[in-house]
Amino acid sequence: MKIKTLDFCFENLLVRIVANRNYPEIQLVGLSAGPFEEGNEYDVHYWIAKKLAESGIAHFRENNFLDATKLYKIQWKERVQIAGQISELTEDFYPKLRRYLANIKAEIAKHPEKAQEYEKAKQLAWDIVNSRLKKIITLSSGPAQTGQLQKKFTCEERFIHERLGKIVNEWKAQILDFEGER
């Protein structure tokens, strides 16, 4: 599964928004959104919610985004895991991470002081990705993992874990195949 496919799926997830003002129903091709009443909550596709938020019609409800504090917590949690363990991330962690970094980067043009925040966030992101990838590589080369451990992987991580596991197992089988030498 490609990252773009997972991003497409993320864009079409339902998210909760809160209407900032009354607004009539919006007709889209094969889809409608609203009508919206100020203060009420609605579940809409992420891509629609993003446009509504940009237009000031609504705002995202609570924990729909990553921020520096959440990223620090995730990085810390990942670092304190014992060997062979990986912390649990939400399925939408990587799409949210990509959007968080893209949003900060876009703000640099208007607010140059955001460049430092962007660099820190990017470093935290790389720390998380590298830490998790090392663990996934180790887990992929060992015995089959329990479902409990695999539940802690995101879709992107399950994909790389399965691919690496197949490659490692094929390699091991070839290394130990002495029959081919005759």
C-alpha atoms as a PDB file:
ATOM      1  CA  MET A   1       0.000   0.000   0.000  1.00  0.00           C
ATOM      2  CA  LYS A   2       1.405   3.373  -0.956  1.00  0.00           C
ATOM      3  CA  ILE A   3       1.548   6.428   1.267  1.00  0.00           C
ATOM      4  CA  LYS A   4      -0.547   8.396  -1.253  1.00  0.00           C
ATOM      5  CA  THR A   5      -3.317   5.809  -0.975  1.00  0.00           C
ATOM      6  CA  LEU A   6      -3.260   6.105   2.808  1.00  0.00           C
ATOM      7  CA  ASP A   7      -3.329   9.901   2.506  1.00  0.00           C
ATOM      8  CA  PHE A   8      -6.355   9.648   0.222  1.00  0.00           C
ATOM      9  CA  CYS A   9      -8.077   7.480   2.831  1.00  0.00           C
ATOM     10  CA  PHE A  10      -7.205  10.012   5.536  1.00  0.00           C
ATOM     11  CA  GLU A  11      -8.654  12.887   3.481  1.00  0.00           C
ATOM     12  CA  ASN A  12     -11.937  10.973   3.323  1.00  0.00           C
ATOM     13  CA  LEU A  13     -12.182  10.090   7.024  1.00  0.00           C
ATOM     14  CA  LEU A  14     -15.015  11.638   8.984  1.00  0.00           C
ATOM     15  CA  VAL A  15     -13.903  14.296  11.465  1.00  0.00           C
ATOM     16  CA  ARG A  16     -15.864  16.360  13.932  1.00  0.00           C
ATOM     17  CA  ILE A  17     -16.273  20.096  13.346  1.00  0.00           C
ATOM     18  CA  VAL A  18     -18.135  22.858  15.161  1.00  0.00           C
ATOM     19  CA  ALA A  19     -20.021  25.460  13.103  1.00  0.00           C
ATOM     20  CA  ASN A  20     -18.820  29.029  13.716  1.00  0.00           C
ATOM     21  CA  ARG A  21     -21.941  30.478  12.104  1.00  0.00           C
ATOM     22  CA  ASN A  22     -25.134  29.497  10.355  1.00  0.00           C
ATOM     23  CA  TYR A  23     -24.520  28.411   6.784  1.00  0.00           C
ATOM     24  CA  PRO A  24     -26.791  26.804   4.182  1.00  0.00           C
ATOM     25  CA  GLU A  25     -26.326  23.330   2.756  1.00  0.00           C
ATOM     26  CA  ILE A  26     -23.425  22.997   0.341  1.00  0.00           C
ATOM     27  CA  GLN A  27     -24.071  20.801  -2.706  1.00  0.00           C
ATOM     28  CA  LEU A  28     -21.071  18.939  -4.078  1.00  0.00           C
ATOM     29  CA  VAL A  29     -20.940  16.346  -6.827  1.00  0.00           C
ATOM     30  CA  GLY A  30     -22.646  13.326  -5.300  1.00  0.00           C
ATOM     31  CA  LEU A  31     -22.344  14.744  -1.794  1.00  0.00           C
ATOM     32  CA  SER A  32     -23.782  17.487   0.372  1.00  0.00           C
ATOM     33  CA  ALA A  33     -22.650  19.120   3.603  1.00  0.00           C
ATOM     34  CA  GLY A  34     -24.776  21.074   6.037  1.00  0.00           C
ATOM     35  CA  PRO A  35     -26.815  23.081   6.592  1.00  0.00           C
ATOM     36  CA  PHE A  36     -24.780  24.287   9.552  1.00  0.00           C
ATOM     37  CA  GLU A  37     -26.085  25.977  12.686  1.00  0.00           C
ATOM     38  CA  GLU A  38     -23.690  27.995  14.819  1.00  0.00           C
ATOM     39  CA  GLY A  39     -22.346  26.032  17.791  1.00  0.00           C
ATOM     40  CA  ASN A  40     -23.539  22.628  16.589  1.00  0.00           C
ATOM     41  CA  GLU A  41     -21.191  19.747  15.888  1.00  0.00           C
ATOM     42  CA  TYR A  42     -21.066  17.833  12.612  1.00  0.00           C
ATOM     43  CA  ASP A  43     -19.173  14.885  11.185  1.00  0.00           C
ATOM     44  CA  VAL A  44     -17.823  15.624   7.714  1.00  0.00           C
ATOM     45  CA  HIS A  45     -15.000  14.298   5.541  1.00  0.00           C
ATOM     46  CA  TYR A  46     -11.612  15.757   6.449  1.00  0.00           C
ATOM     47  CA  TRP A  47     -11.173  17.472   3.063  1.00  0.00           C
ATOM     48  CA  ILE A  48     -14.537  19.232   3.472  1.00  0.00           C
ATOM     49  CA  ALA A  49     -13.762  20.162   7.082  1.00  0.00           C
ATOM     50  CA  LYS A  50     -10.465  21.700   5.970  1.00  0.00           C
ATOM     51  CA  LYS A  51     -12.248  23.928   3.425  1.00  0.00           C
ATOM     52  CA  LEU A  52     -14.937  24.896   5.939  1.00  0.00           C
ATOM     53  CA  ALA A  53     -12.244  25.830   8.470  1.00  0.00           C
ATOM     54  CA  GLU A  54     -10.312  27.851   5.870  1.00  0.00           C
ATOM     55  CA  SER A  55     -13.550  29.718   5.038  1.00  0.00           C
ATOM     56  CA  GLY A  56     -14.277  30.433   8.709  1.00  0.00           C
ATOM     57  CA  ILE A  57     -17.577  28.541   8.543  1.00  0.00           C
ATOM     58  CA  ALA A  58     -16.464  25.952  11.082  1.00  0.00           C
ATOM     59  CA  HIS A  59     -13.481  24.823  13.106  1.00  0.00           C
ATOM     60  CA  PHE A  60     -12.088  21.418  13.942  1.00  0.00           C
ATOM     61  CA  ARG A  61     -13.116  19.998  17.280  1.00  0.00           C
ATOM     62  CA  GLU A  62     -10.389  19.377  19.876  1.00  0.00           C
ATOM     63  CA  ASN A  63      -7.693  16.783  19.097  1.00  0.00           C
ATOM     64  CA  ASN A  64      -7.763  16.636  15.311  1.00  0.00           C
ATOM     65  CA  PHE A  65      -4.207  17.902  14.915  1.00  0.00           C
ATOM     66  CA  LEU A  66      -0.712  17.329  16.159  1.00  0.00           C
ATOM     67  CA  ASP A  67       1.203  20.080  17.878  1.00  0.00           C
ATOM     68  CA  ALA A  68       4.684  20.414  19.367  1.00  0.00           C
ATOM     69  CA  THR A  69       3.554  19.218  22.801  1.00  0.00           C
ATOM     70  CA  LYS A  70       1.953  16.047  21.429  1.00  0.00           C
ATOM     71  CA  LEU A  71       5.006  15.390  19.268  1.00  0.00           C
ATOM     72  CA  TYR A  72       7.344  15.715  22.283  1.00  0.00           C
ATOM     73  CA  LYS A  73       5.170  13.285  24.252  1.00  0.00           C
ATOM     74  CA  ILE A  74       5.190  10.747  21.418  1.00  0.00           C
ATOM     75  CA  GLN A  75       8.963  11.035  21.027  1.00  0.00           C
ATOM     76  CA  TRP A  76       9.536  10.651  24.781  1.00  0.00           C
ATOM     77  CA  LYS A  77       7.168   7.679  24.994  1.00  0.00           C
ATOM     78  CA  GLU A  78       8.949   5.988  22.094  1.00  0.00           C
ATOM     79  CA  ARG A  79      12.372   6.459  23.679  1.00  0.00           C
ATOM     80  CA  VAL A  80      11.398   4.948  27.043  1.00  0.00           C
ATOM     81  CA  GLN A  81      10.054   1.692  25.594  1.00  0.00           C
ATOM     82  CA  ILE A  82      12.016  -1.381  26.604  1.00  0.00           C
ATOM     83  CA  ALA A  83      13.794  -3.392  23.911  1.00  0.00           C
ATOM     84  CA  GLY A  84      11.380  -5.265  21.673  1.00  0.00           C
ATOM     85  CA  GLN A  85       8.494  -2.940  22.524  1.00  0.00           C
ATOM     86  CA  ILE A  86       6.925  -0.152  20.506  1.00  0.00           C
ATOM     87  CA  SER A  87       4.432   2.417  21.728  1.00  0.00           C
ATOM     88  CA  GLU A  88       0.973   2.606  20.213  1.00  0.00           C
ATOM     89  CA  LEU A  89       0.209   5.366  17.715  1.00  0.00           C
ATOM     90  CA  THR A  90      -3.137   6.296  16.246  1.00  0.00           C
ATOM     91  CA  GLU A  91      -3.748   4.978  12.721  1.00  0.00           C
ATOM     92  CA  ASP A  92      -3.748   8.528  11.387  1.00  0.00           C
ATOM     93  CA  PHE A  93      -0.467   9.579  13.022  1.00  0.00           C
ATOM     94  CA  TYR A  94       1.619   9.851   9.841  1.00  0.00           C
ATOM     95  CA  PRO A  95      -0.988  11.760   7.775  1.00  0.00           C
ATOM     96  CA  LYS A  96      -1.422  14.158  10.698  1.00  0.00           C
ATOM     97  CA  LEU A  97       2.347  14.466  11.050  1.00  0.00           C
ATOM     98  CA  ARG A  98       2.783  15.322   7.356  1.00  0.00           C
ATOM     99  CA  ARG A  99       0.052  17.965   7.566  1.00  0.00           C
ATOM    100  CA  TYR A 100       1.443  19.434  10.780  1.00  0.00           C
ATOM    101  CA  LEU A 101       4.892  19.862   9.214  1.00  0.00           C
ATOM    102  CA  ALA A 102       3.424  21.244   5.979  1.00  0.00           C
ATOM    103  CA  ASN A 103       1.304  23.781   7.908  1.00  0.00           C
ATOM    104  CA  ILE A 104       4.264  25.070   9.921  1.00  0.00           C
ATOM    105  CA  LYS A 105       6.393  25.269   6.784  1.00  0.00           C
ATOM    106  CA  ALA A 106       3.659  27.260   4.999  1.00  0.00           C
ATOM    107  CA  GLU A 107       3.463  29.709   7.928  1.00  0.00           C
ATOM    108  CA  ILE A 108       7.180  30.562   7.645  1.00  0.00           C
ATOM    109  CA  ALA A 109       6.479  32.888   4.703  1.00  0.00           C
ATOM    110  CA  LYS A 110       4.211  35.065   6.882  1.00  0.00           C
ATOM    111  CA  HIS A 111       5.980  34.455  10.186  1.00  0.00           C
ATOM    112  CA  PRO A 112       9.752  33.858   9.745  1.00  0.00           C
ATOM    113  CA  GLU A 113      10.082  33.008  13.456  1.00  0.00           C
ATOM    114  CA  LYS A 114       8.202  29.783  12.668  1.00  0.00           C
ATOM    115  CA  ALA A 115      11.356  28.466  10.942  1.00  0.00           C
ATOM    116  CA  GLN A 116      12.817  27.446  14.297  1.00  0.00           C
ATOM    117  CA  GLU A 117       9.569  25.721  15.307  1.00  0.00           C
ATOM    118  CA  TYR A 118       9.560  23.898  11.963  1.00  0.00           C
ATOM    119  CA  GLU A 119      13.138  22.669  12.404  1.00  0.00           C
ATOM    120  CA  LYS A 120      12.416  21.427  15.933  1.00  0.00           C
ATOM    121  CA  ALA A 121       9.236  19.669  14.794  1.00  0.00           C
ATOM    122  CA  LYS A 122      11.039  18.104  11.842  1.00  0.00           C
ATOM    123  CA  GLN A 123      13.811  16.838  14.144  1.00  0.00           C
ATOM    124  CA  LEU A 124      11.254  15.350  16.549  1.00  0.00           C
ATOM    125  CA  ALA A 125       9.462  13.720  13.623  1.00  0.00           C
ATOM    126  CA  TRP A 126      12.710  12.167  12.343  1.00  0.00           C
ATOM    127  CA  ASP A 127      13.538  10.938  15.844  1.00  0.00           C
ATOM    128  CA  ILE A 128      10.150   9.225  16.094  1.00  0.00           C
ATOM    129  CA  VAL A 129      10.335   7.746  12.586  1.00  0.00           C
ATOM    130  CA  ASN A 130      13.915   6.494  13.000  1.00  0.00           C
ATOM    131  CA  SER A 131      13.264   5.041  16.441  1.00  0.00           C
ATOM    132  CA  ARG A 132      10.173   3.198  15.259  1.00  0.00           C
ATOM    133  CA  LEU A 133      11.819   2.034  12.046  1.00  0.00           C
ATOM    134  CA  LYS A 134      14.750   0.522  13.969  1.00  0.00           C
ATOM    135  CA  LYS A 135      12.290  -1.361  16.161  1.00  0.00           C
ATOM    136  CA  ILE A 136      10.265  -2.518  13.165  1.00  0.00           C
ATOM    137  CA  ILE A 137      13.412  -3.793  11.442  1.00  0.00           C
ATOM    138  CA  THR A 138      14.406  -5.708  14.580  1.00  0.00           C
ATOM    139  CA  LEU A 139      10.908  -7.123  15.013  1.00  0.00           C
ATOM    140  CA  SER A 140      10.754  -8.072  11.303  1.00  0.00           C
ATOM    141  CA  SER A 141      13.876 -10.194  11.563  1.00  0.00           C
ATOM    142  CA  GLY A 142      12.741 -12.130  14.630  1.00  0.00           C
ATOM    143  CA  PRO A 143       9.968 -14.644  15.247  1.00  0.00           C
ATOM    144  CA  ALA A 144       6.415 -13.843  14.133  1.00  0.00           C
ATOM    145  CA  GLN A 145       4.855 -11.081  16.209  1.00  0.00           C
ATOM    146  CA  THR A 146       1.737 -11.327  18.288  1.00  0.00           C
ATOM    147  CA  GLY A 147      -1.393  -9.540  17.169  1.00  0.00           C
ATOM    148  CA  GLN A 148      -1.120  -7.406  20.294  1.00  0.00           C
ATOM    149  CA  LEU A 149       2.211  -5.960  19.188  1.00  0.00           C
ATOM    150  CA  GLN A 150       1.081  -5.477  15.584  1.00  0.00           C
ATOM    151  CA  LYS A 151      -1.934  -3.471  16.812  1.00  0.00           C
ATOM    152  CA  LYS A 152       0.556  -0.824  17.894  1.00  0.00           C
ATOM    153  CA  PHE A 153       1.736  -0.349  14.300  1.00  0.00           C
ATOM    154  CA  THR A 154       0.128   2.155  11.965  1.00  0.00           C
ATOM    155  CA  CYS A 155      -0.908   1.020   8.451  1.00  0.00           C
ATOM    156  CA  GLU A 156       2.361   2.380   7.051  1.00  0.00           C
ATOM    157  CA  GLU A 157       4.326   0.457   9.659  1.00  0.00           C
ATOM    158  CA  ARG A 158       2.408  -2.797   9.151  1.00  0.00           C
ATOM    159  CA  PHE A 159       3.190  -2.554   5.454  1.00  0.00           C
ATOM    160  CA  ILE A 160       6.953  -2.144   5.965  1.00  0.00           C
ATOM    161  CA  HIS A 161       6.972  -4.803   8.734  1.00  0.00           C
ATOM    162  CA  GLU A 162       5.307  -7.379   6.472  1.00  0.00           C
ATOM    163  CA  ARG A 163       7.560  -6.584   3.504  1.00  0.00           C
ATOM    164  CA  LEU A 164      10.721  -6.717   5.614  1.00  0.00           C
ATOM    165  CA  GLY A 165       9.582  -9.943   7.269  1.00  0.00           C
ATOM    166  CA  LYS A 166       9.155 -11.629   3.883  1.00  0.00           C
ATOM    167  CA  ILE A 167      12.531 -10.397   2.635  1.00  0.00           C
ATOM    168  CA  VAL A 168      14.336 -11.492   5.814  1.00  0.00           C
ATOM    169  CA  ASN A 169      12.655 -14.919   5.871  1.00  0.00           C
ATOM    170  CA  GLU A 170      13.485 -15.543   2.197  1.00  0.00           C
ATOM    171  CA  TRP A 171      17.073 -14.501   2.820  1.00  0.00           C
ATOM    172  CA  LYS A 172      17.373 -16.766   5.868  1.00  0.00           C
ATOM    173  CA  ALA A 173      15.964 -19.699   3.889  1.00  0.00           C
ATOM    174  CA  GLN A 174      18.521 -19.139   1.124  1.00  0.00           C
ATOM    175  CA  ILE A 175      21.416 -18.752   3.549  1.00  0.00           C
ATOM    176  CA  LEU A 176      20.626 -22.057   5.221  1.00  0.00           C
ATOM    177  CA  ASP A 177      19.871 -23.964   2.002  1.00  0.00           C
ATOM    178  CA  PHE A 178      22.896 -26.241   1.616  1.00  0.00           C
ATOM    179  CA  GLU A 179      21.102 -28.457  -0.913  1.00  0.00           C
ATOM    180  CA  GLY A 180      21.824 -25.988  -3.697  1.00  0.00           C
ATOM    181  CA  GLU A 181      25.574 -26.526  -3.328  1.00  0.00           C
ATOM    182  CA  ARG A 182      25.554 -30.105  -4.641  1.00  0.00           C
END
